PDB file of N, CA and C in Angstrom:
ATOM      1  N   MET A   1       0.851  -1.184   0.002  1.00  0.00           N
ATOM      2  CA  MET A   1      -0.010  -0.012  -0.001  1.00  0.00           C
ATOM      3  C   MET A   1       0.900   1.238   0.004  1.00  0.00           C
ATOM      4  N   ALA A   2       0.639   2.144  -0.902  1.00  0.00           N
ATOM      5  CA  ALA A   2       1.453   3.353  -1.009  1.00  0.00           C
ATOM      6  C   ALA A   2       1.249   4.218   0.221  1.00  0.00           C
ATOM      7  N   PHE A   3       2.252   5.008   0.529  1.00  0.00           N
ATOM      8  CA  PHE A   3       2.221   5.834   1.739  1.00  0.00           C
ATOM      9  C   PHE A   3       1.051   6.799   1.731  1.00  0.00           C
ATOM     10  N   VAL A   4       0.813   7.456   0.616  1.00  0.00           N
ATOM     11  CA  VAL A   4      -0.300   8.423   0.521  1.00  0.00           C
ATOM     12  C   VAL A   4      -1.634   7.723   0.727  1.00  0.00           C
ATOM     13  N   GLU A   5      -1.797   6.576   0.070  1.00  0.00           N
ATOM     14  CA  GLU A   5      -3.051   5.814   0.237  1.00  0.00           C
ATOM     15  C   GLU A   5      -3.236   5.391   1.671  1.00  0.00           C
ATOM     16  N   CYS A   6      -2.181   4.961   2.311  1.00  0.00           N
ATOM     17  CA  CYS A   6      -2.223   4.565   3.717  1.00  0.00           C
ATOM     18  C   CYS A   6      -2.676   5.737   4.595  1.00  0.00           C
ATOM     19  N   CYS A   7      -2.100   6.907   4.346  1.00  0.00           N
ATOM     20  CA  CYS A   7      -2.476   8.106   5.120  1.00  0.00           C
ATOM     21  C   CYS A   7      -3.924   8.470   4.918  1.00  0.00           C
ATOM     22  N   GLN A   8      -4.383   8.361   3.685  1.00  0.00           N
ATOM     23  CA  GLN A   8      -5.772   8.700   3.376  1.00  0.00           C
ATOM     24  C   GLN A   8      -6.744   7.708   4.051  1.00  0.00           C
ATOM     25  N   ARG A   9      -6.397   6.453   4.020  1.00  0.00           N
ATOM     26  CA  ARG A   9      -7.264   5.450   4.655  1.00  0.00           C
ATOM     27  C   ARG A   9      -7.293   5.650   6.165  1.00  0.00           C
ATOM     28  N   CYS A  10      -6.130   5.904   6.762  1.00  0.00           N
ATOM     29  CA  CYS A  10      -6.074   6.157   8.208  1.00  0.00           C
ATOM     30  C   CYS A  10      -6.922   7.348   8.568  1.00  0.00           C
ATOM     31  N   GLN A  11      -6.810   8.409   7.803  1.00  0.00           N
ATOM     32  CA  GLN A  11      -7.586   9.613   8.093  1.00  0.00           C
ATOM     33  C   GLN A  11      -9.081   9.367   7.962  1.00  0.00           C
ATOM     34  N   SER A  12      -9.462   8.593   6.960  1.00  0.00           N
ATOM     35  CA  SER A  12     -10.856   8.246   6.772  1.00  0.00           C
ATOM     36  C   SER A  12     -11.396   7.469   7.964  1.00  0.00           C
ATOM     37  N   HIS A  13     -10.640   6.483   8.427  1.00  0.00           N
ATOM     38  CA  HIS A  13     -11.063   5.696   9.587  1.00  0.00           C
ATOM     39  C   HIS A  13     -11.118   6.556  10.855  1.00  0.00           C
ATOM     40  N   ARG A  14     -10.142   7.447  11.033  1.00  0.00           N
ATOM     41  CA  ARG A  14     -10.161   8.341  12.203  1.00  0.00           C
ATOM     42  C   ARG A  14     -11.377   9.260  12.160  1.00  0.00           C
ATOM     43  N   ASN A  15     -11.710   9.764  10.990  1.00  0.00           N
ATOM     44  CA  ASN A  15     -12.904  10.615  10.857  1.00  0.00           C
ATOM     45  C   ASN A  15     -14.163   9.842  11.216  1.00  0.00           C
ATOM     46  N   ASN A  16     -14.248   8.609  10.741  1.00  0.00           N
ATOM     47  CA  ASN A  16     -15.409   7.787  11.058  1.00  0.00           C
ATOM     48  C   ASN A  16     -15.485   7.492  12.540  1.00  0.00           C
ATOM     49  N   ILE A  17     -14.345   7.189  13.152  1.00  0.00           N
ATOM     50  CA  ILE A  17     -14.315   6.914  14.591  1.00  0.00           C
ATOM     51  C   ILE A  17     -14.782   8.143  15.358  1.00  0.00           C
ATOM     52  N   ASN A  18     -14.282   9.300  15.000  1.00  0.00           N
ATOM     53  CA  ASN A  18     -14.714  10.536  15.676  1.00  0.00           C
ATOM     54  C   ASN A  18     -16.223  10.773  15.505  1.00  0.00           C
ATOM     55  N   ARG A  19     -16.729  10.535  14.323  1.00  0.00           N
ATOM     56  CA  ARG A  19     -18.159  10.723  14.095  1.00  0.00           C
ATOM     57  C   ARG A  19     -18.981   9.760  14.947  1.00  0.00           C
ATOM     58  N   TYR A  20     -18.574   8.494  14.966  1.00  0.00           N
ATOM     59  CA  TYR A  20     -19.330   7.527  15.770  1.00  0.00           C
ATOM     60  C   TYR A  20     -19.239   7.836  17.272  1.00  0.00           C
ATOM     61  N   GLU A  21     -18.088   8.297  17.729  1.00  0.00           N
ATOM     62  CA  GLU A  21     -17.965   8.685  19.135  1.00  0.00           C
ATOM     63  C   GLU A  21     -18.872   9.867  19.466  1.00  0.00           C
ATOM     64  N   ARG A  22     -18.983  10.807  18.547  1.00  0.00           N
ATOM     65  CA  ARG A  22     -19.912  11.945  18.776  1.00  0.00           C
ATOM     66  C   ARG A  22     -21.347  11.461  18.793  1.00  0.00           C
ATOM     67  N   LEU A  23     -21.695  10.550  17.901  1.00  0.00           N
ATOM     68  CA  LEU A  23     -23.046  10.019  17.868  1.00  0.00           C
ATOM     69  C   LEU A  23     -23.419   9.292  19.158  1.00  0.00           C
ATOM     70  N   LEU A  24     -22.448   8.597  19.744  1.00  0.00           N
ATOM     71  CA  LEU A  24     -22.717   7.877  20.988  1.00  0.00           C
ATOM     72  C   LEU A  24     -23.045   8.811  22.146  1.00  0.00           C
ATOM     73  N   LYS A  25     -22.699  10.062  22.015  1.00  0.00           N
ATOM     74  CA  LYS A  25     -22.978  11.039  23.069  1.00  0.00           C
ATOM     75  C   LYS A  25     -24.387  11.616  22.941  1.00  0.00           C
ATOM     76  N   THR A  26     -25.119  11.215  21.899  1.00  0.00           N
ATOM     77  CA  THR A  26     -26.466  11.715  21.673  1.00  0.00           C
ATOM     78  C   THR A  26     -27.490  10.682  22.144  1.00  0.00           C
ATOM     79  N   TYR A  27     -28.738  11.076  22.108  1.00  0.00           N
ATOM     80  CA  TYR A  27     -29.815  10.134  22.449  1.00  0.00           C
ATOM     81  C   TYR A  27     -29.989   9.150  21.299  1.00  0.00           C
ATOM     82  N   LEU A  28     -29.907   7.852  21.621  1.00  0.00           N
ATOM     83  CA  LEU A  28     -30.084   6.805  20.619  1.00  0.00           C
ATOM     84  C   LEU A  28     -30.930   5.699  21.232  1.00  0.00           C
ATOM     85  N   THR A  29     -31.659   5.037  20.373  1.00  0.00           N
ATOM     86  CA  THR A  29     -32.354   3.853  20.840  1.00  0.00           C
ATOM     87  C   THR A  29     -31.306   2.757  21.053  1.00  0.00           C
ATOM     88  N   ASP A  30     -31.694   1.683  21.724  1.00  0.00           N
ATOM     89  CA  ASP A  30     -30.762   0.573  21.966  1.00  0.00           C
ATOM     90  C   ASP A  30     -30.274  -0.022  20.653  1.00  0.00           C
ATOM     91  N   ILE A  31     -31.166  -0.136  19.694  1.00  0.00           N
ATOM     92  CA  ILE A  31     -30.769  -0.689  18.398  1.00  0.00           C
ATOM     93  C   ILE A  31     -29.773   0.224  17.700  1.00  0.00           C
ATOM     94  N   GLU A  32     -30.036   1.529  17.714  1.00  0.00           N
ATOM     95  CA  GLU A  32     -29.112   2.485  17.099  1.00  0.00           C
ATOM     96  C   GLU A  32     -27.748   2.452  17.800  1.00  0.00           C
ATOM     97  N   ARG A  33     -27.775   2.445  19.143  1.00  0.00           N
ATOM     98  CA  ARG A  33     -26.540   2.425  19.912  1.00  0.00           C
ATOM     99  C   ARG A  33     -25.720   1.170  19.596  1.00  0.00           C
ATOM    100  N   ASN A  34     -26.387   0.029  19.546  1.00  0.00           N
ATOM    101  CA  ASN A  34     -25.679  -1.222  19.222  1.00  0.00           C
ATOM    102  C   ASN A  34     -25.066  -1.172  17.837  1.00  0.00           C
ATOM    103  N   PHE A  35     -25.789  -0.620  16.888  1.00  0.00           N
ATOM    104  CA  PHE A  35     -25.271  -0.497  15.522  1.00  0.00           C
ATOM    105  C   PHE A  35     -24.047   0.412  15.497  1.00  0.00           C
ATOM    106  N   ILE A  36     -24.140   1.575  16.147  1.00  0.00           N
ATOM    107  CA  ILE A  36     -23.033   2.540  16.154  1.00  0.00           C
ATOM    108  C   ILE A  36     -21.807   1.931  16.858  1.00  0.00           C
ATOM    109  N   GLU A  37     -22.029   1.246  17.959  1.00  0.00           N
ATOM    110  CA  GLU A  37     -20.919   0.618  18.685  1.00  0.00           C
ATOM    111  C   GLU A  37     -20.229  -0.423  17.826  1.00  0.00           C
ATOM    112  N   LEU A  38     -21.007  -1.190  17.058  1.00  0.00           N
ATOM    113  CA  LEU A  38     -20.433  -2.184  16.163  1.00  0.00           C
ATOM    114  C   LEU A  38     -19.613  -1.504  15.074  1.00  0.00           C
ATOM    115  N   ARG A  39     -20.159  -0.483  14.465  1.00  0.00           N
ATOM    116  CA  ARG A  39     -19.445   0.269  13.408  1.00  0.00           C
ATOM    117  C   ARG A  39     -18.149   0.892  13.978  1.00  0.00           C
ATOM    118  N   LEU A  40     -18.229   1.426  15.187  1.00  0.00           N
ATOM    119  CA  LEU A  40     -17.060   2.026  15.833  1.00  0.00           C
ATOM    120  C   LEU A  40     -15.978   0.956  16.013  1.00  0.00           C
ATOM    121  N   TRP A  41     -16.379  -0.202  16.490  1.00  0.00           N
ATOM    122  CA  TRP A  41     -15.428  -1.291  16.700  1.00  0.00           C
ATOM    123  C   TRP A  41     -14.791  -1.710  15.357  1.00  0.00           C
ATOM    124  N   GLU A  42     -15.602  -1.808  14.305  1.00  0.00           N
ATOM    125  CA  GLU A  42     -15.071  -2.192  12.988  1.00  0.00           C
ATOM    126  C   GLU A  42     -14.083  -1.162  12.469  1.00  0.00           C
ATOM    127  N   GLU A  43     -14.352   0.105  12.656  1.00  0.00           N
ATOM    128  CA  GLU A  43     -13.437   1.169  12.214  1.00  0.00           C
ATOM    129  C   GLU A  43     -12.133   1.114  13.002  1.00  0.00           C
ATOM    130  N   GLN A  44     -12.237   0.850  14.298  1.00  0.00           N
ATOM    131  CA  GLN A  44     -11.008   0.781  15.127  1.00  0.00           C
ATOM    132  C   GLN A  44     -10.159  -0.416  14.707  1.00  0.00           C
ATOM    133  N   VAL A  45     -10.782  -1.539  14.437  1.00  0.00           N
ATOM    134  CA  VAL A  45     -10.052  -2.720  13.984  1.00  0.00           C
ATOM    135  C   VAL A  45      -9.371  -2.421  12.641  1.00  0.00           C
ATOM    136  N   ALA A  46     -10.093  -1.829  11.712  1.00  0.00           N
ATOM    137  CA  ALA A  46      -9.529  -1.528  10.399  1.00  0.00           C
ATOM    138  C   ALA A  46      -8.332  -0.590  10.540  1.00  0.00           C
ATOM    139  N   LEU A  47      -8.434   0.408  11.390  1.00  0.00           N
ATOM    140  CA  LEU A  47      -7.320   1.360  11.603  1.00  0.00           C
ATOM    141  C   LEU A  47      -6.116   0.639  12.181  1.00  0.00           C
ATOM    142  N   ARG A  48      -6.341  -0.235  13.170  1.00  0.00           N
ATOM    143  CA  ARG A  48      -5.247  -0.996  13.757  1.00  0.00           C
ATOM    144  C   ARG A  48      -4.560  -1.895  12.723  1.00  0.00           C
ATOM    145  N   GLN A  49      -5.351  -2.516  11.838  1.00  0.00           N
ATOM    146  CA  GLN A  49      -4.779  -3.376  10.814  1.00  0.00           C
ATOM    147  C   GLN A  49      -3.907  -2.590   9.856  1.00  0.00           C
ATOM    148  N   ILE A  50      -4.358  -1.414   9.463  1.00  0.00           N
ATOM    149  CA  ILE A  50      -3.542  -0.571   8.569  1.00  0.00           C
ATOM    150  C   ILE A  50      -2.246  -0.185   9.246  1.00  0.00           C
ATOM    151  N   ASN A  51      -2.334   0.208  10.524  1.00  0.00           N
ATOM    152  CA  ASN A  51      -1.144   0.596  11.264  1.00  0.00           C
ATOM    153  C   ASN A  51      -0.178  -0.560  11.424  1.00  0.00           C
ATOM    154  N   GLN A  52      -0.701  -1.748  11.638  1.00  0.00           N
ATOM    155  CA  GLN A  52       0.182  -2.928  11.772  1.00  0.00           C
ATOM    156  C   GLN A  52       0.875  -3.239  10.439  1.00  0.00           C
ATOM    157  N   LYS A  53       0.139  -3.188   9.355  1.00  0.00           N
ATOM    158  CA  LYS A  53       0.733  -3.422   8.030  1.00  0.00           C
ATOM    159  C   LYS A  53       1.788  -2.375   7.716  1.00  0.00           C
ATOM    160  N   ALA A  54       1.522  -1.142   8.092  1.00  0.00           N
ATOM    161  CA  ALA A  54       2.491  -0.076   7.806  1.00  0.00           C
ATOM    162  C   ALA A  54       3.752  -0.252   8.635  1.00  0.00           C
ATOM    163  N   SER A  55       3.620  -0.737   9.848  1.00  0.00           N
ATOM    164  CA  SER A  55       4.795  -0.897  10.730  1.00  0.00           C
ATOM    165  C   SER A  55       5.618  -2.093  10.300  1.00  0.00           C
ATOM    166  N   LEU A  56       5.020  -3.058   9.587  1.00  0.00           N
ATOM    167  CA  LEU A  56       5.741  -4.207   9.099  1.00  0.00           C
ATOM    168  C   LEU A  56       6.507  -3.923   7.817  1.00  0.00           C
ATOM    169  N   SER A  57       6.129  -2.868   7.128  1.00  0.00           N
ATOM    170  CA  SER A  57       6.743  -2.525   5.835  1.00  0.00           C
ATOM    171  C   SER A  57       8.076  -1.863   6.009  1.00  0.00           C
TER     172      SER A  57
END
């Protein structure tokens, strides 16, 4: 993965993480909260995977 692409992907995941964290501070139904928490977890995992791949290169 090229450095620029890696940076763009990381930034995209960080933006999504920040958005989901902001959403969790609002009023949500249990279903909405569960969905947002799952998406937040998925974004965090994806960001960690990119960082691990970058550190191995």
